All heavy atoms as atom14 arrays in JSON, in Angstrom:
{
  "sequence": "AGFKGRLGKLVVPTAKLLPYNETVLELIEEASQDGRPVILATGANRR",
  "atom14_mask": [
    [1, 1, 1, 1, 1, 0, 0, 0, 0, 0, 0, 0, 0, 0],
    [1, 1, 1, 1, 0, 0, 0, 0, 0, 0, 0, 0, 0, 0],
    [1, 1, 1, 1, 1, 1, 1, 1, 1, 1, 1, 0, 0, 0],
    [1, 1, 1, 1, 1, 1, 1, 1, 1, 0, 0, 0, 0, 0],
    [1, 1, 1, 1, 0, 0, 0, 0, 0, 0, 0, 0, 0, 0],
    [1, 1, 1, 1, 1, 1, 1, 1, 1, 1, 1, 0, 0, 0],
    [1, 1, 1, 1, 1, 1, 1, 1, 0, 0, 0, 0, 0, 0],
    [1, 1, 1, 1, 0, 0, 0, 0, 0, 0, 0, 0, 0, 0],
    [1, 1, 1, 1, 1, 1, 1, 1, 1, 0, 0, 0, 0, 0],
    [1, 1, 1, 1, 1, 1, 1, 1, 0, 0, 0, 0, 0, 0],
    [1, 1, 1, 1, 1, 1, 1, 0, 0, 0, 0, 0, 0, 0],
    [1, 1, 1, 1, 1, 1, 1, 0, 0, 0, 0, 0, 0, 0],
    [1, 1, 1, 1, 1, 1, 1, 0, 0, 0, 0, 0, 0, 0],
    [1, 1, 1, 1, 1, 1, 1, 0, 0, 0, 0, 0, 0, 0],
    [1, 1, 1, 1, 1, 0, 0, 0, 0, 0, 0, 0, 0, 0],
    [1, 1, 1, 1, 1, 1, 1, 1, 1, 0, 0, 0, 0, 0],
    [1, 1, 1, 1, 1, 1, 1, 1, 0, 0, 0, 0, 0, 0],
    [1, 1, 1, 1, 1, 1, 1, 1, 0, 0, 0, 0, 0, 0],
    [1, 1, 1, 1, 1, 1, 1, 0, 0, 0, 0, 0, 0, 0],
    [1, 1, 1, 1, 1, 1, 1, 1, 1, 1, 1, 1, 0, 0],
    [1, 1, 1, 1, 1, 1, 1, 1, 0, 0, 0, 0, 0, 0],
    [1, 1, 1, 1, 1, 1, 1, 1, 1, 0, 0, 0, 0, 0],
    [1, 1, 1, 1, 1, 1, 1, 0, 0, 0, 0, 0, 0, 0],
    [1, 1, 1, 1, 1, 1, 1, 0, 0, 0, 0, 0, 0, 0],
    [1, 1, 1, 1, 1, 1, 1, 1, 0, 0, 0, 0, 0, 0],
    [1, 1, 1, 1, 1, 1, 1, 1, 1, 0, 0, 0, 0, 0],
    [1, 1, 1, 1, 1, 1, 1, 1, 0, 0, 0, 0, 0, 0],
    [1, 1, 1, 1, 1, 1, 1, 1, 0, 0, 0, 0, 0, 0],
    [1, 1, 1, 1, 1, 1, 1, 1, 1, 0, 0, 0, 0, 0],
    [1, 1, 1, 1, 1, 1, 1, 1, 1, 0, 0, 0, 0, 0],
    [1, 1, 1, 1, 1, 0, 0, 0, 0, 0, 0, 0, 0, 0],
    [1, 1, 1, 1, 1, 1, 0, 0, 0, 0, 0, 0, 0, 0],
    [1, 1, 1, 1, 1, 1, 1, 1, 1, 0, 0, 0, 0, 0],
    [1, 1, 1, 1, 1, 1, 1, 1, 0, 0, 0, 0, 0, 0],
    [1, 1, 1, 1, 0, 0, 0, 0, 0, 0, 0, 0, 0, 0],
    [1, 1, 1, 1, 1, 1, 1, 1, 1, 1, 1, 0, 0, 0],
    [1, 1, 1, 1, 1, 1, 1, 0, 0, 0, 0, 0, 0, 0],
    [1, 1, 1, 1, 1, 1, 1, 0, 0, 0, 0, 0, 0, 0],
    [1, 1, 1, 1, 1, 1, 1, 1, 0, 0, 0, 0, 0, 0],
    [1, 1, 1, 1, 1, 1, 1, 1, 0, 0, 0, 0, 0, 0],
    [1, 1, 1, 1, 1, 0, 0, 0, 0, 0, 0, 0, 0, 0],
    [1, 1, 1, 1, 1, 1, 1, 0, 0, 0, 0, 0, 0, 0],
    [1, 1, 1, 1, 0, 0, 0, 0, 0, 0, 0, 0, 0, 0],
    [1, 1, 1, 1, 1, 0, 0, 0, 0, 0, 0, 0, 0, 0],
    [1, 1, 1, 1, 1, 1, 1, 1, 0, 0, 0, 0, 0, 0],
    [1, 1, 1, 1, 1, 1, 1, 1, 1, 1, 1, 0, 0, 0],
    [1, 1, 1, 1, 1, 1, 1, 1, 1, 1, 1, 0, 0, 0]
  ],
  "atom14_positions": [
    [[-25.34, 15.99, 12.22], [-24.28, 15.22, 12.87], [-24.85, 14.1, 13.7], [-24.36, 12.98, 13.72], [-23.43, 16.13, 13.74], [0.0, 0.0, 0.0], [0.0, 0.0, 0.0], [0.0, 0.0, 0.0], [0.0, 0.0, 0.0], [0.0, 0.0, 0.0], [0.0, 0.0, 0.0], [0.0, 0.0, 0.0], [0.0, 0.0, 0.0], [0.0, 0.0, 0.0]],
    [[-25.97, 14.39, 14.43], [-26.61, 13.37, 15.22], [-27.21, 12.27, 14.37], [-27.16, 11.08, 14.73], [0.0, 0.0, 0.0], [0.0, 0.0, 0.0], [0.0, 0.0, 0.0], [0.0, 0.0, 0.0], [0.0, 0.0, 0.0], [0.0, 0.0, 0.0], [0.0, 0.0, 0.0], [0.0, 0.0, 0.0], [0.0, 0.0, 0.0], [0.0, 0.0, 0.0]],
    [[-27.75, 12.66, 13.19], [-28.28, 11.68, 12.26], [-27.18, 10.73, 11.77], [-27.34, 9.5, 11.76], [-28.94, 12.4, 11.09], [-29.51, 11.46, 10.05], [-30.79, 10.97, 10.19], [-28.76, 11.11, 8.93], [-31.34, 10.13, 9.24], [-29.3, 10.26, 7.97], [-30.58, 9.76, 8.11], [0.0, 0.0, 0.0], [0.0, 0.0, 0.0], [0.0, 0.0, 0.0]],
    [[-26.04, 11.32, 11.36], [-24.92, 10.5, 10.88], [-24.39, 9.6, 12.0], [-24.05, 8.44, 11.77], [-23.78, 11.43, 10.4], [-24.09, 12.18, 9.14], [-22.9, 13.09, 8.77], [-23.19, 13.88, 7.5], [-22.04, 14.76, 7.14], [0.0, 0.0, 0.0], [0.0, 0.0, 0.0], [0.0, 0.0, 0.0], [0.0, 0.0, 0.0], [0.0, 0.0, 0.0]],
    [[-24.35, 10.13, 13.22], [-23.87, 9.35, 14.35], [-24.78, 8.17, 14.65], [-24.31, 7.05, 14.89], [0.0, 0.0, 0.0], [0.0, 0.0, 0.0], [0.0, 0.0, 0.0], [0.0, 0.0, 0.0], [0.0, 0.0, 0.0], [0.0, 0.0, 0.0], [0.0, 0.0, 0.0], [0.0, 0.0, 0.0], [0.0, 0.0, 0.0], [0.0, 0.0, 0.0]],
    [[-26.11, 8.43, 14.65], [-27.05, 7.34, 14.91], [-26.98, 6.27, 13.84], [-27.02, 5.07, 14.13], [-28.47, 7.94, 14.99], [-29.54, 6.91, 15.38], [-29.35, 6.46, 16.81], [-30.33, 5.47, 17.18], [-30.22, 4.14, 16.92], [-29.1, 3.73, 16.29], [-31.09, 3.3, 17.32], [0.0, 0.0, 0.0], [0.0, 0.0, 0.0], [0.0, 0.0, 0.0]],
    [[-26.84, 6.71, 12.59], [-26.74, 5.76, 11.49], [-25.42, 4.98, 11.54], [-25.36, 3.78, 11.27], [-26.84, 6.52, 10.13], [-27.14, 5.71, 8.9], [-28.44, 4.92, 9.02], [-27.23, 6.65, 7.69], [0.0, 0.0, 0.0], [0.0, 0.0, 0.0], [0.0, 0.0, 0.0], [0.0, 0.0, 0.0], [0.0, 0.0, 0.0], [0.0, 0.0, 0.0]],
    [[-24.36, 5.69, 11.97], [-23.04, 5.05, 12.08], [-22.97, 3.98, 13.14], [-22.21, 3.01, 13.03], [0.0, 0.0, 0.0], [0.0, 0.0, 0.0], [0.0, 0.0, 0.0], [0.0, 0.0, 0.0], [0.0, 0.0, 0.0], [0.0, 0.0, 0.0], [0.0, 0.0, 0.0], [0.0, 0.0, 0.0], [0.0, 0.0, 0.0], [0.0, 0.0, 0.0]],
    [[-23.82, 4.12, 14.19], [-23.89, 3.08, 15.22], [-24.61, 1.86, 14.72], [-24.42, 0.76, 15.25], [-24.61, 3.65, 16.47], [-23.82, 4.72, 17.18], [-24.63, 5.27, 18.35], [-23.87, 6.39, 19.05], [-24.66, 7.0, 20.16], [0.0, 0.0, 0.0], [0.0, 0.0, 0.0], [0.0, 0.0, 0.0], [0.0, 0.0, 0.0], [0.0, 0.0, 0.0]],
    [[-25.44, 2.06, 13.71], [-26.25, 0.96, 13.17], [-25.49, 0.15, 12.13], [-25.44, -1.09, 12.19], [-27.55, 1.52, 12.56], [-28.74, 0.59, 12.44], [-29.13, 0.04, 13.79], [-29.91, 1.37, 11.81], [0.0, 0.0, 0.0], [0.0, 0.0, 0.0], [0.0, 0.0, 0.0], [0.0, 0.0, 0.0], [0.0, 0.0, 0.0], [0.0, 0.0, 0.0]],
    [[-24.89, 0.83, 11.17], [-24.14, 0.17, 10.06], [-22.95, 1.01, 9.66], [-22.95, 2.25, 9.81], [-25.03, -0.05, 8.82], [-26.1, -1.09, 9.05], [-25.67, 1.26, 8.36], [0.0, 0.0, 0.0], [0.0, 0.0, 0.0], [0.0, 0.0, 0.0], [0.0, 0.0, 0.0], [0.0, 0.0, 0.0], [0.0, 0.0, 0.0], [0.0, 0.0, 0.0]],
    [[-21.95, 0.36, 9.14], [-20.79, 1.03, 8.57], [-20.43, 0.32, 7.26], [-20.25, -0.89, 7.22], [-19.54, 0.96, 9.5], [-18.3, 1.53, 8.85], [-19.82, 1.71, 10.81], [0.0, 0.0, 0.0], [0.0, 0.0, 0.0], [0.0, 0.0, 0.0], [0.0, 0.0, 0.0], [0.0, 0.0, 0.0], [0.0, 0.0, 0.0], [0.0, 0.0, 0.0]],
    [[-20.35, 1.08, 6.14], [-20.02, 0.45, 4.85], [-18.67, -0.25, 4.92], [-17.73, 0.2, 5.61], [-19.98, 1.66, 3.9], [-20.79, 2.69, 4.53], [-20.61, 2.52, 6.01], [0.0, 0.0, 0.0], [0.0, 0.0, 0.0], [0.0, 0.0, 0.0], [0.0, 0.0, 0.0], [0.0, 0.0, 0.0], [0.0, 0.0, 0.0], [0.0, 0.0, 0.0]],
    [[-18.54, -1.36, 4.21], [-17.28, -2.1, 4.15], [-16.27, -1.33, 3.34], [-16.47, -1.14, 2.14], [-17.5, -3.5, 3.54], [-18.54, -4.16, 4.28], [-16.23, -4.3, 3.62], [0.0, 0.0, 0.0], [0.0, 0.0, 0.0], [0.0, 0.0, 0.0], [0.0, 0.0, 0.0], [0.0, 0.0, 0.0], [0.0, 0.0, 0.0], [0.0, 0.0, 0.0]],
    [[-15.2, -0.88, 3.97], [-14.25, 0.04, 3.34], [-13.61, -0.58, 2.09], [-13.4, 0.1, 1.09], [-13.16, 0.44, 4.31], [0.0, 0.0, 0.0], [0.0, 0.0, 0.0], [0.0, 0.0, 0.0], [0.0, 0.0, 0.0], [0.0, 0.0, 0.0], [0.0, 0.0, 0.0], [0.0, 0.0, 0.0], [0.0, 0.0, 0.0], [0.0, 0.0, 0.0]],
    [[-13.29, -1.85, 2.13], [-12.6, -2.46, 0.98], [-13.47, -2.59, -0.25], [-12.97, -2.84, -1.34], [-12.04, -3.83, 1.39], [-13.07, -4.9, 1.66], [-12.41, -6.2, 1.98], [-13.44, -7.31, 2.25], [-12.82, -8.61, 2.56], [0.0, 0.0, 0.0], [0.0, 0.0, 0.0], [0.0, 0.0, 0.0], [0.0, 0.0, 0.0], [0.0, 0.0, 0.0]],
    [[-14.79, -2.43, -0.06], [-15.74, -2.58, -1.19], [-16.11, -1.24, -1.81], [-16.78, -1.2, -2.84], [-16.99, -3.31, -0.75], [-16.81, -4.76, -0.28], [-18.14, -5.34, 0.16], [-16.18, -5.61, -1.36], [0.0, 0.0, 0.0], [0.0, 0.0, 0.0], [0.0, 0.0, 0.0], [0.0, 0.0, 0.0], [0.0, 0.0, 0.0], [0.0, 0.0, 0.0]],
    [[-15.71, -0.13, -1.2], [-16.08, 1.18, -1.73], [-15.41, 1.44, -3.06], [-14.28, 0.98, -3.31], [-15.7, 2.29, -0.74], [-16.48, 2.32, 0.59], [-15.88, 3.31, 1.55], [-17.95, 2.65, 0.31], [0.0, 0.0, 0.0], [0.0, 0.0, 0.0], [0.0, 0.0, 0.0], [0.0, 0.0, 0.0], [0.0, 0.0, 0.0], [0.0, 0.0, 0.0]],
    [[-16.06, 2.17, -3.99], [-15.48, 2.47, -5.31], [-14.5, 3.66, -5.23], [-14.89, 4.82, -5.34], [-16.71, 2.81, -6.17], [-17.7, 3.38, -5.2], [-17.46, 2.67, -3.87], [0.0, 0.0, 0.0], [0.0, 0.0, 0.0], [0.0, 0.0, 0.0], [0.0, 0.0, 0.0], [0.0, 0.0, 0.0], [0.0, 0.0, 0.0], [0.0, 0.0, 0.0]],
    [[-13.25, 3.38, -5.05], [-12.23, 4.42, -4.88], [-11.84, 5.04, -6.22], [-11.86, 4.38, -7.25], [-10.99, 3.86, -4.21], [-11.2, 3.46, -2.78], [-11.55, 2.15, -2.43], [-11.15, 4.4, -1.74], [-11.77, 1.78, -1.1], [-11.36, 4.05, -0.42], [-11.69, 2.73, -0.11], [-11.92, 2.39, 1.19], [0.0, 0.0, 0.0], [0.0, 0.0, 0.0]],
    [[-11.52, 6.35, -6.14], [-11.08, 7.06, -7.31], [-9.58, 6.81, -7.52], [-8.76, 7.17, -6.68], [-11.32, 8.57, -7.14], [-11.05, 9.35, -8.41], [-9.97, 9.3, -8.95], [-12.03, 10.13, -8.83], [0.0, 0.0, 0.0], [0.0, 0.0, 0.0], [0.0, 0.0, 0.0], [0.0, 0.0, 0.0], [0.0, 0.0, 0.0], [0.0, 0.0, 0.0]],
    [[-9.23, 6.16, -8.61], [-7.84, 5.75, -8.82], [-6.89, 6.95, -8.89], [-5.76, 6.87, -8.43], [-7.76, 4.94, -10.12], [-8.53, 3.64, -10.11], [-7.96, 2.67, -9.09], [-6.78, 2.77, -8.77], [-8.77, 1.82, -8.58], [0.0, 0.0, 0.0], [0.0, 0.0, 0.0], [0.0, 0.0, 0.0], [0.0, 0.0, 0.0], [0.0, 0.0, 0.0]],
    [[-7.35, 8.06, -9.49], [-6.48, 9.24, -9.61], [-6.15, 9.81, -8.24], [-5.0, 10.2, -7.98], [-7.19, 10.32, -10.47], [-7.59, 9.76, -11.7], [-6.26, 11.5, -10.71], [0.0, 0.0, 0.0], [0.0, 0.0, 0.0], [0.0, 0.0, 0.0], [0.0, 0.0, 0.0], [0.0, 0.0, 0.0], [0.0, 0.0, 0.0], [0.0, 0.0, 0.0]],
    [[-7.13, 9.87, -7.34], [-6.88, 10.37, -6.0], [-5.98, 9.42, -5.23], [-5.07, 9.86, -4.5], [-8.22, 10.57, -5.25], [-7.99, 10.99, -3.82], [-9.08, 11.58, -5.98], [0.0, 0.0, 0.0], [0.0, 0.0, 0.0], [0.0, 0.0, 0.0], [0.0, 0.0, 0.0], [0.0, 0.0, 0.0], [0.0, 0.0, 0.0], [0.0, 0.0, 0.0]],
    [[-6.16, 8.12, -5.39], [-5.3, 7.15, -4.74], [-3.83, 7.32, -5.17], [-2.9, 7.2, -4.37], [-5.76, 5.73, -5.05], [-7.04, 5.25, -4.34], [-7.4, 3.84, -4.8], [-6.88, 5.29, -2.82], [0.0, 0.0, 0.0], [0.0, 0.0, 0.0], [0.0, 0.0, 0.0], [0.0, 0.0, 0.0], [0.0, 0.0, 0.0], [0.0, 0.0, 0.0]],
    [[-3.64, 7.62, -6.45], [-2.27, 7.84, -6.95], [-1.62, 9.07, -6.29], [-0.44, 9.04, -5.94], [-2.31, 8.02, -8.46], [-2.6, 6.71, -9.22], [-2.77, 6.95, -10.71], [-2.56, 8.11, -11.16], [-3.1, 5.99, -11.42], [0.0, 0.0, 0.0], [0.0, 0.0, 0.0], [0.0, 0.0, 0.0], [0.0, 0.0, 0.0], [0.0, 0.0, 0.0]],
    [[-2.42, 10.14, -6.13], [-1.87, 11.35, -5.46], [-1.54, 11.06, -3.99], [-0.53, 11.55, -3.47], [-2.89, 12.47, -5.54], [-3.0, 13.21, -6.87], [-4.09, 14.25, -6.83], [-1.69, 13.86, -7.29], [0.0, 0.0, 0.0], [0.0, 0.0, 0.0], [0.0, 0.0, 0.0], [0.0, 0.0, 0.0], [0.0, 0.0, 0.0], [0.0, 0.0, 0.0]],
    [[-2.38, 10.26, -3.35], [-2.12, 9.9, -1.94], [-0.83, 9.06, -1.84], [0.01, 9.29, -0.97], [-3.31, 9.11, -1.36], [-4.52, 10.03, -1.22], [-2.95, 8.49, -0.02], [-5.79, 9.32, -0.8], [0.0, 0.0, 0.0], [0.0, 0.0, 0.0], [0.0, 0.0, 0.0], [0.0, 0.0, 0.0], [0.0, 0.0, 0.0], [0.0, 0.0, 0.0]],
    [[-0.68, 8.13, -2.77], [0.53, 7.3, -2.77], [1.79, 8.13, -3.0], [2.82, 7.94, -2.35], [0.41, 6.23, -3.85], [1.55, 5.22, -3.83], [1.36, 4.1, -4.87], [0.37, 4.15, -5.62], [2.24, 3.22, -4.91], [0.0, 0.0, 0.0], [0.0, 0.0, 0.0], [0.0, 0.0, 0.0], [0.0, 0.0, 0.0], [0.0, 0.0, 0.0]],
    [[1.71, 9.08, -3.94], [2.85, 9.95, -4.23], [3.21, 10.79, -3.0], [4.4, 10.94, -2.65], [2.55, 10.86, -5.41], [2.49, 10.15, -6.74], [2.07, 11.09, -7.85], [1.97, 12.31, -7.59], [1.84, 10.61, -9.0], [0.0, 0.0, 0.0], [0.0, 0.0, 0.0], [0.0, 0.0, 0.0], [0.0, 0.0, 0.0], [0.0, 0.0, 0.0]],
    [[2.2, 11.32, -2.34], [2.45, 12.16, -1.15], [3.07, 11.33, -0.03], [3.99, 11.78, 0.66], [1.12, 12.78, -0.67], [0.0, 0.0, 0.0], [0.0, 0.0, 0.0], [0.0, 0.0, 0.0], [0.0, 0.0, 0.0], [0.0, 0.0, 0.0], [0.0, 0.0, 0.0], [0.0, 0.0, 0.0], [0.0, 0.0, 0.0], [0.0, 0.0, 0.0]],
    [[2.59, 10.1, 0.14], [3.13, 9.21, 1.19], [4.62, 8.89, 0.88], [5.45, 8.87, 1.81], [2.31, 7.92, 1.27], [1.0, 8.21, 1.69], [0.0, 0.0, 0.0], [0.0, 0.0, 0.0], [0.0, 0.0, 0.0], [0.0, 0.0, 0.0], [0.0, 0.0, 0.0], [0.0, 0.0, 0.0], [0.0, 0.0, 0.0], [0.0, 0.0, 0.0]],
    [[4.91, 8.61, -0.36], [6.3, 8.28, -0.72], [7.23, 9.47, -0.55], [8.42, 9.3, -0.27], [6.33, 7.79, -2.19], [5.67, 6.43, -2.38], [5.63, 6.0, -3.85], [5.93, 6.79, -4.75], [5.24, 4.76, -4.08], [0.0, 0.0, 0.0], [0.0, 0.0, 0.0], [0.0, 0.0, 0.0], [0.0, 0.0, 0.0], [0.0, 0.0, 0.0]],
    [[6.68, 10.69, -0.71], [7.49, 11.91, -0.51], [7.59, 12.31, 0.95], [8.23, 13.35, 1.28], [6.88, 13.06, -1.3], [7.0, 12.85, -2.81], [7.83, 12.02, -3.24], [6.23, 13.49, -3.56], [0.0, 0.0, 0.0], [0.0, 0.0, 0.0], [0.0, 0.0, 0.0], [0.0, 0.0, 0.0], [0.0, 0.0, 0.0], [0.0, 0.0, 0.0]],
    [[6.97, 11.52, 1.84], [7.04, 11.81, 3.26], [6.14, 12.93, 3.73], [6.32, 13.5, 4.79], [0.0, 0.0, 0.0], [0.0, 0.0, 0.0], [0.0, 0.0, 0.0], [0.0, 0.0, 0.0], [0.0, 0.0, 0.0], [0.0, 0.0, 0.0], [0.0, 0.0, 0.0], [0.0, 0.0, 0.0], [0.0, 0.0, 0.0], [0.0, 0.0, 0.0]],
    [[5.1, 13.22, 2.94], [4.16, 14.28, 3.31], [3.06, 13.71, 4.21], [2.62, 12.6, 4.0], [3.53, 14.9, 2.04], [4.49, 15.58, 1.13], [3.8, 16.01, -0.17], [2.69, 16.94, 0.11], [1.84, 17.33, -0.84], [1.91, 16.85, -2.07], [0.87, 18.18, -0.52], [0.0, 0.0, 0.0], [0.0, 0.0, 0.0], [0.0, 0.0, 0.0]],
    [[2.61, 14.45, 5.17], [1.43, 14.03, 5.95], [0.2, 13.96, 5.04], [-0.02, 14.85, 4.24], [1.29, 15.11, 7.01], [2.58, 15.86, 7.03], [3.14, 15.72, 5.67], [0.0, 0.0, 0.0], [0.0, 0.0, 0.0], [0.0, 0.0, 0.0], [0.0, 0.0, 0.0], [0.0, 0.0, 0.0], [0.0, 0.0, 0.0], [0.0, 0.0, 0.0]],
    [[-0.54, 12.89, 5.16], [-1.77, 12.75, 4.37], [-2.94, 12.66, 5.37], [-2.97, 11.74, 6.21], [-1.74, 11.5, 3.48], [-3.05, 11.42, 2.63], [-0.53, 11.53, 2.56], [0.0, 0.0, 0.0], [0.0, 0.0, 0.0], [0.0, 0.0, 0.0], [0.0, 0.0, 0.0], [0.0, 0.0, 0.0], [0.0, 0.0, 0.0], [0.0, 0.0, 0.0]],
    [[-3.84, 13.62, 5.28], [-4.94, 13.73, 6.26], [-6.27, 13.48, 5.58], [-6.57, 14.07, 4.54], [-4.94, 15.15, 6.89], [-3.6, 15.44, 7.54], [-6.08, 15.29, 7.92], [-3.36, 16.92, 7.85], [0.0, 0.0, 0.0], [0.0, 0.0, 0.0], [0.0, 0.0, 0.0], [0.0, 0.0, 0.0], [0.0, 0.0, 0.0], [0.0, 0.0, 0.0]],
    [[-7.07, 12.61, 6.15], [-8.42, 12.4, 5.69], [-9.34, 13.33, 6.45], [-9.47, 13.23, 7.69], [-8.85, 10.94, 5.92], [-10.25, 10.55, 5.48], [-10.43, 10.73, 3.97], [-10.6, 9.12, 5.86], [0.0, 0.0, 0.0], [0.0, 0.0, 0.0], [0.0, 0.0, 0.0], [0.0, 0.0, 0.0], [0.0, 0.0, 0.0], [0.0, 0.0, 0.0]],
    [[-9.94, 14.27, 5.74], [-10.86, 15.25, 6.37], [-12.22, 15.13, 5.71], [-12.39, 15.47, 4.54], [-10.31, 16.66, 6.22], [0.0, 0.0, 0.0], [0.0, 0.0, 0.0], [0.0, 0.0, 0.0], [0.0, 0.0, 0.0], [0.0, 0.0, 0.0], [0.0, 0.0, 0.0], [0.0, 0.0, 0.0], [0.0, 0.0, 0.0], [0.0, 0.0, 0.0]],
    [[-13.2, 14.68, 6.47], [-14.51, 14.36, 5.87], [-15.65, 14.72, 6.79], [-15.52, 14.73, 8.02], [-14.56, 12.85, 5.53], [-15.87, 12.52, 5.08], [-14.23, 12.01, 6.77], [0.0, 0.0, 0.0], [0.0, 0.0, 0.0], [0.0, 0.0, 0.0], [0.0, 0.0, 0.0], [0.0, 0.0, 0.0], [0.0, 0.0, 0.0], [0.0, 0.0, 0.0]],
    [[-16.81, 14.98, 6.13], [-18.02, 15.21, 6.88], [-18.7, 13.9, 7.27], [-19.69, 13.92, 8.01], [0.0, 0.0, 0.0], [0.0, 0.0, 0.0], [0.0, 0.0, 0.0], [0.0, 0.0, 0.0], [0.0, 0.0, 0.0], [0.0, 0.0, 0.0], [0.0, 0.0, 0.0], [0.0, 0.0, 0.0], [0.0, 0.0, 0.0], [0.0, 0.0, 0.0]],
    [[-18.14, 12.79, 6.82], [-18.71, 11.47, 7.2], [-18.45, 11.22, 8.68], [-17.54, 11.79, 9.29], [-18.1, 10.38, 6.35], [0.0, 0.0, 0.0], [0.0, 0.0, 0.0], [0.0, 0.0, 0.0], [0.0, 0.0, 0.0], [0.0, 0.0, 0.0], [0.0, 0.0, 0.0], [0.0, 0.0, 0.0], [0.0, 0.0, 0.0], [0.0, 0.0, 0.0]],
    [[-19.23, 10.33, 9.26], [-19.08, 9.98, 10.65], [-17.71, 9.36, 10.91], [-17.16, 8.66, 10.05], [-20.18, 9.01, 11.07], [-20.15, 8.7, 12.55], [-19.65, 7.66, 12.95], [-20.7, 9.61, 13.37], [0.0, 0.0, 0.0], [0.0, 0.0, 0.0], [0.0, 0.0, 0.0], [0.0, 0.0, 0.0], [0.0, 0.0, 0.0], [0.0, 0.0, 0.0]],
    [[-17.18, 9.55, 12.13], [-15.87, 9.07, 12.49], [-15.73, 7.54, 12.27], [-14.67, 7.08, 11.86], [-15.61, 9.4, 13.97], [-14.26, 8.87, 14.48], [-14.21, 8.96, 16.0], [-14.32, 10.33, 16.45], [-13.27, 11.15, 16.55], [-12.08, 10.73, 16.21], [-13.43, 12.37, 17.0], [0.0, 0.0, 0.0], [0.0, 0.0, 0.0], [0.0, 0.0, 0.0]],
    [[-16.77, 6.8, 12.56], [-16.68, 5.33, 12.41], [-16.34, 4.94, 10.96], [-15.57, 4.03, 10.71], [-17.98, 4.69, 12.87], [-18.3, 4.94, 14.33], [-19.7, 4.45, 14.67], [-20.05, 4.74, 16.08], [-20.55, 5.92, 16.48], [-20.75, 6.88, 15.59], [-20.84, 6.12, 17.74], [0.0, 0.0, 0.0], [0.0, 0.0, 0.0], [0.0, 0.0, 0.0]]
  ]
}
């Protein structure tokens, strides 16, 4: 966790350039349209 935090203070990948999985994005969009809470839960650093 400390390693990720130290690295996160140094650089953060540009979110719009990440290679997103289209199938997962479709499920997220469907859930949002149905009024379901959509939670991002990750081991990646908060930043």
